[in-house]
Amino acid sequence: MKDAELITDLLLTEKKMSTNYNLFASECTNVKLRDTFVDMIAQGHRTQTALFETAQQKGWYKVEQAEQQKIDQAQQKFTNQAPTIG
């Protein structure tokens, strides 16, 4: 397996694991166990970031920079959709 394929496989695996940990945390009734899943999600995101940055630096993962206006629009959209508690 080539390095680019390995990084891609690891990145996809981390994404799937984060999705699963999020589901487990949201359905967990034990606070300590839920906190463990949340910690695992955070670690998974750090790992994903490191893998993503490595892939980008090596030219294996190309991204197009978004215009600031589009970033602002997306942020506004998702801020308005955030659930409120209370």
PDB file of N, CA and C in Angstrom:
ATOM      1  N   MET A   1       0.853  -1.172   0.000  1.00  0.00           N
ATOM      2  CA  MET A   1       0.000   0.000   0.000  1.00  0.00           C
ATOM      3  C   MET A   1       0.903   1.241   0.000  1.00  0.00           C
ATOM      4  N   LYS A   2       0.601   2.181  -0.868  1.00  0.00           N
ATOM      5  CA  LYS A   2       1.373   3.413  -0.941  1.00  0.00           C
ATOM      6  C   LYS A   2       1.035   4.319   0.239  1.00  0.00           C
ATOM      7  N   ASP A   3       1.958   5.235   0.537  1.00  0.00           N
ATOM      8  CA  ASP A   3       1.752   6.148   1.664  1.00  0.00           C
ATOM      9  C   ASP A   3       0.468   6.959   1.524  1.00  0.00           C
ATOM     10  N   ALA A   4       0.187   7.454   0.328  1.00  0.00           N
ATOM     11  CA  ALA A   4      -1.020   8.253   0.107  1.00  0.00           C
ATOM     12  C   ALA A   4      -2.269   7.418   0.401  1.00  0.00           C
ATOM     13  N   GLU A   5      -2.267   6.170  -0.014  1.00  0.00           N
ATOM     14  CA  GLU A   5      -3.416   5.288   0.248  1.00  0.00           C
ATOM     15  C   GLU A   5      -3.545   5.001   1.737  1.00  0.00           C
ATOM     16  N   LEU A   6      -2.421   4.820   2.401  1.00  0.00           N
ATOM     17  CA  LEU A   6      -2.431   4.551   3.836  1.00  0.00           C
ATOM     18  C   LEU A   6      -2.990   5.740   4.617  1.00  0.00           C
ATOM     19  N   ILE A   7      -2.521   6.940   4.281  1.00  0.00           N
ATOM     20  CA  ILE A   7      -3.018   8.150   4.947  1.00  0.00           C
ATOM     21  C   ILE A   7      -4.518   8.310   4.705  1.00  0.00           C
ATOM     22  N   THR A   8      -4.953   8.093   3.480  1.00  0.00           N
ATOM     23  CA  THR A   8      -6.381   8.208   3.150  1.00  0.00           C
ATOM     24  C   THR A   8      -7.192   7.198   3.945  1.00  0.00           C
ATOM     25  N   ASP A   9      -6.710   5.959   4.024  1.00  0.00           N
ATOM     26  CA  ASP A   9      -7.405   4.924   4.781  1.00  0.00           C
ATOM     27  C   ASP A   9      -7.475   5.291   6.262  1.00  0.00           C
ATOM     28  N   LEU A  10      -6.370   5.771   6.813  1.00  0.00           N
ATOM     29  CA  LEU A  10      -6.363   6.169   8.226  1.00  0.00           C
ATOM     30  C   LEU A  10      -7.318   7.335   8.473  1.00  0.00           C
ATOM     31  N   LEU A  11      -7.334   8.297   7.570  1.00  0.00           N
ATOM     32  CA  LEU A  11      -8.212   9.449   7.719  1.00  0.00           C
ATOM     33  C   LEU A  11      -9.684   9.030   7.681  1.00  0.00           C
ATOM     34  N   LEU A  12     -10.037   8.179   6.737  1.00  0.00           N
ATOM     35  CA  LEU A  12     -11.417   7.698   6.648  1.00  0.00           C
ATOM     36  C   LEU A  12     -11.803   6.884   7.882  1.00  0.00           C
ATOM     37  N   THR A  13     -10.871   6.088   8.389  1.00  0.00           N
ATOM     38  CA  THR A  13     -11.129   5.298   9.596  1.00  0.00           C
ATOM     39  C   THR A  13     -11.370   6.211  10.794  1.00  0.00           C
ATOM     40  N   GLU A  14     -10.548   7.241  10.943  1.00  0.00           N
ATOM     41  CA  GLU A  14     -10.723   8.190  12.047  1.00  0.00           C
ATOM     42  C   GLU A  14     -12.069   8.911  11.953  1.00  0.00           C
ATOM     43  N   LYS A  15     -12.464   9.279  10.751  1.00  0.00           N
ATOM     44  CA  LYS A  15     -13.761   9.939  10.570  1.00  0.00           C
ATOM     45  C   LYS A  15     -14.895   9.017  11.013  1.00  0.00           C
ATOM     46  N   LYS A  16     -14.837   7.775  10.619  1.00  0.00           N
ATOM     47  CA  LYS A  16     -15.884   6.815  10.981  1.00  0.00           C
ATOM     48  C   LYS A  16     -15.899   6.577  12.496  1.00  0.00           C
ATOM     49  N   MET A  17     -14.712   6.464  13.076  1.00  0.00           N
ATOM     50  CA  MET A  17     -14.634   6.249  14.524  1.00  0.00           C
ATOM     51  C   MET A  17     -15.229   7.440  15.275  1.00  0.00           C
ATOM     52  N   SER A  18     -14.943   8.653  14.817  1.00  0.00           N
ATOM     53  CA  SER A  18     -15.505   9.842  15.466  1.00  0.00           C
ATOM     54  C   SER A  18     -17.027   9.844  15.384  1.00  0.00           C
ATOM     55  N   THR A  19     -17.552   9.447  14.236  1.00  0.00           N
ATOM     56  CA  THR A  19     -19.003   9.355  14.071  1.00  0.00           C
ATOM     57  C   THR A  19     -19.593   8.365  15.072  1.00  0.00           C
ATOM     58  N   ASN A  20     -18.957   7.213  15.191  1.00  0.00           N
ATOM     59  CA  ASN A  20     -19.442   6.197  16.128  1.00  0.00           C
ATOM     60  C   ASN A  20     -19.339   6.664  17.572  1.00  0.00           C
ATOM     61  N   TYR A  21     -18.190   7.259  17.952  1.00  0.00           N
ATOM     62  CA  TYR A  21     -18.026   7.754  19.319  1.00  0.00           C
ATOM     63  C   TYR A  21     -19.073   8.816  19.639  1.00  0.00           C
ATOM     64  N   ASN A  22     -19.388   9.658  18.665  1.00  0.00           N
ATOM     65  CA  ASN A  22     -20.402  10.683  18.881  1.00  0.00           C
ATOM     66  C   ASN A  22     -21.766  10.047  19.153  1.00  0.00           C
ATOM     67  N   LEU A  23     -22.093   9.037  18.379  1.00  0.00           N
ATOM     68  CA  LEU A  23     -23.357   8.325  18.594  1.00  0.00           C
ATOM     69  C   LEU A  23     -23.370   7.669  19.976  1.00  0.00           C
ATOM     70  N   PHE A  24     -22.280   6.995  20.324  1.00  0.00           N
ATOM     71  CA  PHE A  24     -22.217   6.337  21.638  1.00  0.00           C
ATOM     72  C   PHE A  24     -22.357   7.359  22.765  1.00  0.00           C
ATOM     73  N   ALA A  25     -21.663   8.496  22.638  1.00  0.00           N
ATOM     74  CA  ALA A  25     -21.708   9.522  23.683  1.00  0.00           C
ATOM     75  C   ALA A  25     -23.112  10.088  23.829  1.00  0.00           C
ATOM     76  N   SER A  26     -23.788  10.303  22.713  1.00  0.00           N
ATOM     77  CA  SER A  26     -25.118  10.915  22.773  1.00  0.00           C
ATOM     78  C   SER A  26     -26.155   9.973  23.368  1.00  0.00           C
ATOM     79  N   GLU A  27     -25.895   8.679  23.348  1.00  0.00           N
ATOM     80  CA  GLU A  27     -26.850   7.707  23.873  1.00  0.00           C
ATOM     81  C   GLU A  27     -26.413   7.100  25.202  1.00  0.00           C
ATOM     82  N   CYS A  28     -25.324   7.605  25.760  1.00  0.00           N
ATOM     83  CA  CYS A  28     -24.761   7.027  26.975  1.00  0.00           C
ATOM     84  C   CYS A  28     -25.410   7.648  28.208  1.00  0.00           C
ATOM     85  N   THR A  29     -25.819   6.816  29.152  1.00  0.00           N
ATOM     86  CA  THR A  29     -26.438   7.322  30.377  1.00  0.00           C
ATOM     87  C   THR A  29     -25.437   7.459  31.522  1.00  0.00           C
ATOM     88  N   ASN A  30     -24.287   6.844  31.394  1.00  0.00           N
ATOM     89  CA  ASN A  30     -23.252   6.940  32.422  1.00  0.00           C
ATOM     90  C   ASN A  30     -22.347   8.129  32.101  1.00  0.00           C
ATOM     91  N   VAL A  31     -22.313   9.096  33.000  1.00  0.00           N
ATOM     92  CA  VAL A  31     -21.584  10.344  32.750  1.00  0.00           C
ATOM     93  C   VAL A  31     -20.103  10.094  32.524  1.00  0.00           C
ATOM     94  N   LYS A  32     -19.501   9.251  33.336  1.00  0.00           N
ATOM     95  CA  LYS A  32     -18.065   8.981  33.199  1.00  0.00           C
ATOM     96  C   LYS A  32     -17.755   8.336  31.847  1.00  0.00           C
ATOM     97  N   LEU A  33     -18.571   7.399  31.445  1.00  0.00           N
ATOM     98  CA  LEU A  33     -18.366   6.742  30.149  1.00  0.00           C
ATOM     99  C   LEU A  33     -18.617   7.721  29.006  1.00  0.00           C
ATOM    100  N   ARG A  34     -19.655   8.554  29.148  1.00  0.00           N
ATOM    101  CA  ARG A  34     -19.928   9.566  28.123  1.00  0.00           C
ATOM    102  C   ARG A  34     -18.740  10.519  27.982  1.00  0.00           C
ATOM    103  N   ASP A  35     -18.180  10.951  29.108  1.00  0.00           N
ATOM    104  CA  ASP A  35     -17.012  11.838  29.066  1.00  0.00           C
ATOM    105  C   ASP A  35     -15.823  11.166  28.382  1.00  0.00           C
ATOM    106  N   THR A  36     -15.686   9.866  28.581  1.00  0.00           N
ATOM    107  CA  THR A  36     -14.616   9.124  27.915  1.00  0.00           C
ATOM    108  C   THR A  36     -14.814   9.148  26.404  1.00  0.00           C
ATOM    109  N   PHE A  37     -16.049   8.937  25.956  1.00  0.00           N
ATOM    110  CA  PHE A  37     -16.325   8.999  24.516  1.00  0.00           C
ATOM    111  C   PHE A  37     -16.054  10.398  23.962  1.00  0.00           C
ATOM    112  N   VAL A  38     -16.434  11.424  24.713  1.00  0.00           N
ATOM    113  CA  VAL A  38     -16.195  12.795  24.267  1.00  0.00           C
ATOM    114  C   VAL A  38     -14.688  13.053  24.151  1.00  0.00           C
ATOM    115  N   ASP A  39     -13.927  12.564  25.109  1.00  0.00           N
ATOM    116  CA  ASP A  39     -12.460  12.678  25.032  1.00  0.00           C
ATOM    117  C   ASP A  39     -11.917  11.944  23.804  1.00  0.00           C
ATOM    118  N   MET A  40     -12.490  10.789  23.512  1.00  0.00           N
ATOM    119  CA  MET A  40     -12.060  10.014  22.346  1.00  0.00           C
ATOM    120  C   MET A  40     -12.390  10.754  21.046  1.00  0.00           C
ATOM    121  N   ILE A  41     -13.534  11.449  21.025  1.00  0.00           N
ATOM    122  CA  ILE A  41     -13.892  12.259  19.861  1.00  0.00           C
ATOM    123  C   ILE A  41     -12.846  13.357  19.666  1.00  0.00           C
ATOM    124  N   ALA A  42     -12.485  14.037  20.743  1.00  0.00           N
ATOM    125  CA  ALA A  42     -11.499  15.120  20.655  1.00  0.00           C
ATOM    126  C   ALA A  42     -10.157  14.588  20.155  1.00  0.00           C
ATOM    127  N   GLN A  43      -9.730  13.454  20.687  1.00  0.00           N
ATOM    128  CA  GLN A  43      -8.465  12.863  20.235  1.00  0.00           C
ATOM    129  C   GLN A  43      -8.560  12.470  18.762  1.00  0.00           C
ATOM    130  N   GLY A  44      -9.685  11.931  18.363  1.00  0.00           N
ATOM    131  CA  GLY A  44      -9.882  11.565  16.962  1.00  0.00           C
ATOM    132  C   GLY A  44      -9.781  12.777  16.047  1.00  0.00           C
ATOM    133  N   HIS A  45     -10.321  13.896  16.493  1.00  0.00           N
ATOM    134  CA  HIS A  45     -10.243  15.120  15.689  1.00  0.00           C
ATOM    135  C   HIS A  45      -8.804  15.615  15.578  1.00  0.00           C
ATOM    136  N   ARG A  46      -8.057  15.493  16.670  1.00  0.00           N
ATOM    137  CA  ARG A  46      -6.640  15.884  16.606  1.00  0.00           C
ATOM    138  C   ARG A  46      -5.882  14.985  15.640  1.00  0.00           C
ATOM    139  N   THR A  47      -6.175  13.698  15.669  1.00  0.00           N
ATOM    140  CA  THR A  47      -5.521  12.753  14.755  1.00  0.00           C
ATOM    141  C   THR A  47      -5.919  13.046  13.316  1.00  0.00           C
ATOM    142  N   GLN A  48      -7.209  13.309  13.095  1.00  0.00           N
ATOM    143  CA  GLN A  48      -7.679  13.648  11.745  1.00  0.00           C
ATOM    144  C   GLN A  48      -6.970  14.886  11.216  1.00  0.00           C
ATOM    145  N   THR A  49      -6.817  15.877  12.061  1.00  0.00           N
ATOM    146  CA  THR A  49      -6.145  17.108  11.649  1.00  0.00           C
ATOM    147  C   THR A  49      -4.704  16.825  11.245  1.00  0.00           C
ATOM    148  N   ALA A  50      -4.005  16.025  12.042  1.00  0.00           N
ATOM    149  CA  ALA A  50      -2.613  15.697  11.726  1.00  0.00           C
ATOM    150  C   ALA A  50      -2.513  14.925  10.414  1.00  0.00           C
ATOM    151  N   LEU A  51      -3.404  13.971  10.207  1.00  0.00           N
ATOM    152  CA  LEU A  51      -3.403  13.202   8.965  1.00  0.00           C
ATOM    153  C   LEU A  51      -3.736  14.091   7.768  1.00  0.00           C
ATOM    154  N   PHE A  52      -4.730  14.945   7.935  1.00  0.00           N
ATOM    155  CA  PHE A  52      -5.145  15.856   6.875  1.00  0.00           C
ATOM    156  C   PHE A  52      -4.003  16.800   6.501  1.00  0.00           C
ATOM    157  N   GLU A  53      -3.352  17.375   7.511  1.00  0.00           N
ATOM    158  CA  GLU A  53      -2.246  18.296   7.247  1.00  0.00           C
ATOM    159  C   GLU A  53      -1.087  17.589   6.541  1.00  0.00           C
ATOM    160  N   THR A  54      -0.801  16.363   6.939  1.00  0.00           N
ATOM    161  CA  THR A  54       0.252  15.587   6.277  1.00  0.00           C
ATOM    162  C   THR A  54      -0.103  15.342   4.821  1.00  0.00           C
ATOM    163  N   ALA A  55      -1.340  14.936   4.579  1.00  0.00           N
ATOM    164  CA  ALA A  55      -1.780  14.675   3.204  1.00  0.00           C
ATOM    165  C   ALA A  55      -1.718  15.939   2.359  1.00  0.00           C
ATOM    166  N   GLN A  56      -2.106  17.063   2.940  1.00  0.00           N
ATOM    167  CA  GLN A  56      -2.045  18.332   2.213  1.00  0.00           C
ATOM    168  C   GLN A  56      -0.606  18.710   1.885  1.00  0.00           C
ATOM    169  N   GLN A  57       0.279  18.617   2.871  1.00  0.00           N
ATOM    170  CA  GLN A  57       1.679  18.994   2.677  1.00  0.00           C
ATOM    171  C   GLN A  57       2.342  18.162   1.585  1.00  0.00           C
ATOM    172  N   LYS A  58       1.943  16.917   1.472  1.00  0.00           N
ATOM    173  CA  LYS A  58       2.542  16.034   0.477  1.00  0.00           C
ATOM    174  C   LYS A  58       1.843  16.120  -0.876  1.00  0.00           C
ATOM    175  N   GLY A  59       0.780  16.929  -0.931  1.00  0.00           N
ATOM    176  CA  GLY A  59       0.063  17.106  -2.186  1.00  0.00           C
ATOM    177  C   GLY A  59      -0.927  15.998  -2.499  1.00  0.00           C
ATOM    178  N   TRP A  60      -1.284  15.201  -1.503  1.00  0.00           N
ATOM    179  CA  TRP A  60      -2.200  14.085  -1.708  1.00  0.00           C
ATOM    180  C   TRP A  60      -3.650  14.491  -1.502  1.00  0.00           C
ATOM    181  N   TYR A  61      -3.877  15.635  -0.893  1.00  0.00           N
ATOM    182  CA  TYR A  61      -5.230  16.095  -0.593  1.00  0.00           C
ATOM    183  C   TYR A  61      -5.284  17.571  -0.952  1.00  0.00           C
ATOM    184  N   LYS A  62      -5.923  17.858  -2.051  1.00  0.00           N
ATOM    185  CA  LYS A  62      -6.003  19.231  -2.536  1.00  0.00           C
ATOM    186  C   LYS A  62      -7.307  19.870  -2.072  1.00  0.00           C
ATOM    187  N   VAL A  63      -7.204  21.079  -1.588  1.00  0.00           N
ATOM    188  CA  VAL A  63      -8.396  21.834  -1.208  1.00  0.00           C
ATOM    189  C   VAL A  63      -8.324  23.216  -1.831  1.00  0.00           C
ATOM    190  N   GLU A  64      -9.494  23.732  -2.132  1.00  0.00           N
ATOM    191  CA  GLU A  64      -9.600  25.075  -2.685  1.00  0.00           C
ATOM    192  C   GLU A  64      -9.976  26.022  -1.554  1.00  0.00           C
ATOM    193  N   GLN A  65      -9.260  27.118  -1.438  1.00  0.00           N
ATOM    194  CA  GLN A  65      -9.552  28.087  -0.392  1.00  0.00           C
ATOM    195  C   GLN A  65     -10.873  28.789  -0.689  1.00  0.00           C
ATOM    196  N   ALA A  66     -11.724  28.848   0.323  1.00  0.00           N
ATOM    197  CA  ALA A  66     -13.019  29.521   0.170  1.00  0.00           C
ATOM    198  C   ALA A  66     -12.846  31.027   0.335  1.00  0.00           C
ATOM    199  N   GLU A  67     -13.692  31.753  -0.345  1.00  0.00           N
ATOM    200  CA  GLU A  67     -13.716  33.202  -0.185  1.00  0.00           C
ATOM    201  C   GLU A  67     -14.248  33.529   1.207  1.00  0.00           C
ATOM    202  N   GLN A  68     -13.740  34.602   1.805  1.00  0.00           N
ATOM    203  CA  GLN A  68     -14.154  34.988   3.152  1.00  0.00           C
ATOM    204  C   GLN A  68     -15.666  35.174   3.245  1.00  0.00           C
ATOM    205  N   GLN A  69     -16.283  35.711   2.194  1.00  0.00           N
ATOM    206  CA  GLN A  69     -17.733  35.912   2.196  1.00  0.00           C
ATOM    207  C   GLN A  69     -18.467  34.584   2.336  1.00  0.00           C
ATOM    208  N   LYS A  70     -18.002  33.558   1.654  1.00  0.00           N
ATOM    209  CA  LYS A  70     -18.644  32.246   1.747  1.00  0.00           C
ATOM    210  C   LYS A  70     -18.441  31.630   3.132  1.00  0.00           C
ATOM    211  N   ILE A  71     -17.275  31.853   3.703  1.00  0.00           N
ATOM    212  CA  ILE A  71     -17.013  31.361   5.062  1.00  0.00           C
ATOM    213  C   ILE A  71     -17.966  32.036   6.040  1.00  0.00           C
ATOM    214  N   ASP A  72     -18.095  33.351   5.922  1.00  0.00           N
ATOM    215  CA  ASP A  72     -18.995  34.100   6.801  1.00  0.00           C
ATOM    216  C   ASP A  72     -20.439  33.629   6.654  1.00  0.00           C
ATOM    217  N   GLN A  73     -20.862  33.376   5.407  1.00  0.00           N
ATOM    218  CA  GLN A  73     -22.234  32.910   5.162  1.00  0.00           C
ATOM    219  C   GLN A  73     -22.471  31.544   5.807  1.00  0.00           C
ATOM    220  N   ALA A  74     -21.519  30.642   5.667  1.00  0.00           N
ATOM    221  CA  ALA A  74     -21.658  29.309   6.257  1.00  0.00           C
ATOM    222  C   ALA A  74     -21.695  29.394   7.778  1.00  0.00           C
ATOM    223  N   GLN A  75     -20.824  30.222   8.334  1.00  0.00           N
ATOM    224  CA  GLN A  75     -20.800  30.380   9.792  1.00  0.00           C
ATOM    225  C   GLN A  75     -22.126  30.938  10.293  1.00  0.00           C
ATOM    226  N   GLN A  76     -22.651  31.920   9.605  1.00  0.00           N
ATOM    227  CA  GLN A  76     -23.935  32.517   9.989  1.00  0.00           C
ATOM    228  C   GLN A  76     -25.058  31.484   9.895  1.00  0.00           C
ATOM    229  N   LYS A  77     -25.057  30.716   8.817  1.00  0.00           N
ATOM    230  CA  LYS A  77     -26.091  29.706   8.620  1.00  0.00           C
ATOM    231  C   LYS A  77     -26.097  28.692   9.765  1.00  0.00           C
ATOM    232  N   PHE A  78     -24.928  28.182  10.108  1.00  0.00           N
ATOM    233  CA  PHE A  78     -24.876  27.152  11.134  1.00  0.00           C
ATOM    234  C   PHE A  78     -25.032  27.719  12.539  1.00  0.00           C
ATOM    235  N   THR A  79     -24.654  28.966  12.729  1.00  0.00           N
ATOM    236  CA  THR A  79     -24.887  29.619  14.018  1.00  0.00           C
ATOM    237  C   THR A  79     -26.381  29.765  14.256  1.00  0.00           C
ATOM    238  N   ASN A  80     -27.112  30.131  13.199  1.00  0.00           N
ATOM    239  CA  ASN A  80     -28.564  30.285  13.320  1.00  0.00           C
ATOM    240  C   ASN A  80     -29.279  28.962  13.523  1.00  0.00           C
ATOM    241  N   GLN A  81     -28.652  27.857  13.120  1.00  0.00           N
ATOM    242  CA  GLN A  81     -29.274  26.543  13.261  1.00  0.00           C
ATOM    243  C   GLN A  81     -28.928  25.866  14.579  1.00  0.00           C
ATOM    244  N   ALA A  82     -28.037  26.465  15.339  1.00  0.00           N
ATOM    245  CA  ALA A  82     -27.617  25.851  16.601  1.00  0.00           C
ATOM    246  C   ALA A  82     -28.815  25.746  17.543  1.00  0.00           C
ATOM    247  N   PRO A  83     -29.004  24.567  18.138  1.00  0.00           N
ATOM    248  CA  PRO A  83     -30.138  24.405  19.054  1.00  0.00           C
ATOM    249  C   PRO A  83     -29.928  25.223  20.323  1.00  0.00           C
ATOM    250  N   THR A  84     -31.015  25.699  20.872  1.00  0.00           N
ATOM    251  CA  THR A  84     -30.951  26.420  22.142  1.00  0.00           C
ATOM    252  C   THR A  84     -31.551  25.534  23.217  1.00  0.00           C
ATOM    253  N   ILE A  85     -30.962  25.616  24.391  1.00  0.00           N
ATOM    254  CA  ILE A  85     -31.440  24.807  25.511  1.00  0.00           C
ATOM    255  C   ILE A  85     -32.049  25.762  26.525  1.00  0.00           C
ATOM    256  N   GLY A  86     -33.239  25.414  26.953  1.00  0.00           N
ATOM    257  CA  GLY A  86     -33.818  26.230  27.990  1.00  0.00           C
ATOM    258  C   GLY A  86     -35.106  26.746  27.677  1.00  0.00           C
TER     259      GLY A  86
END
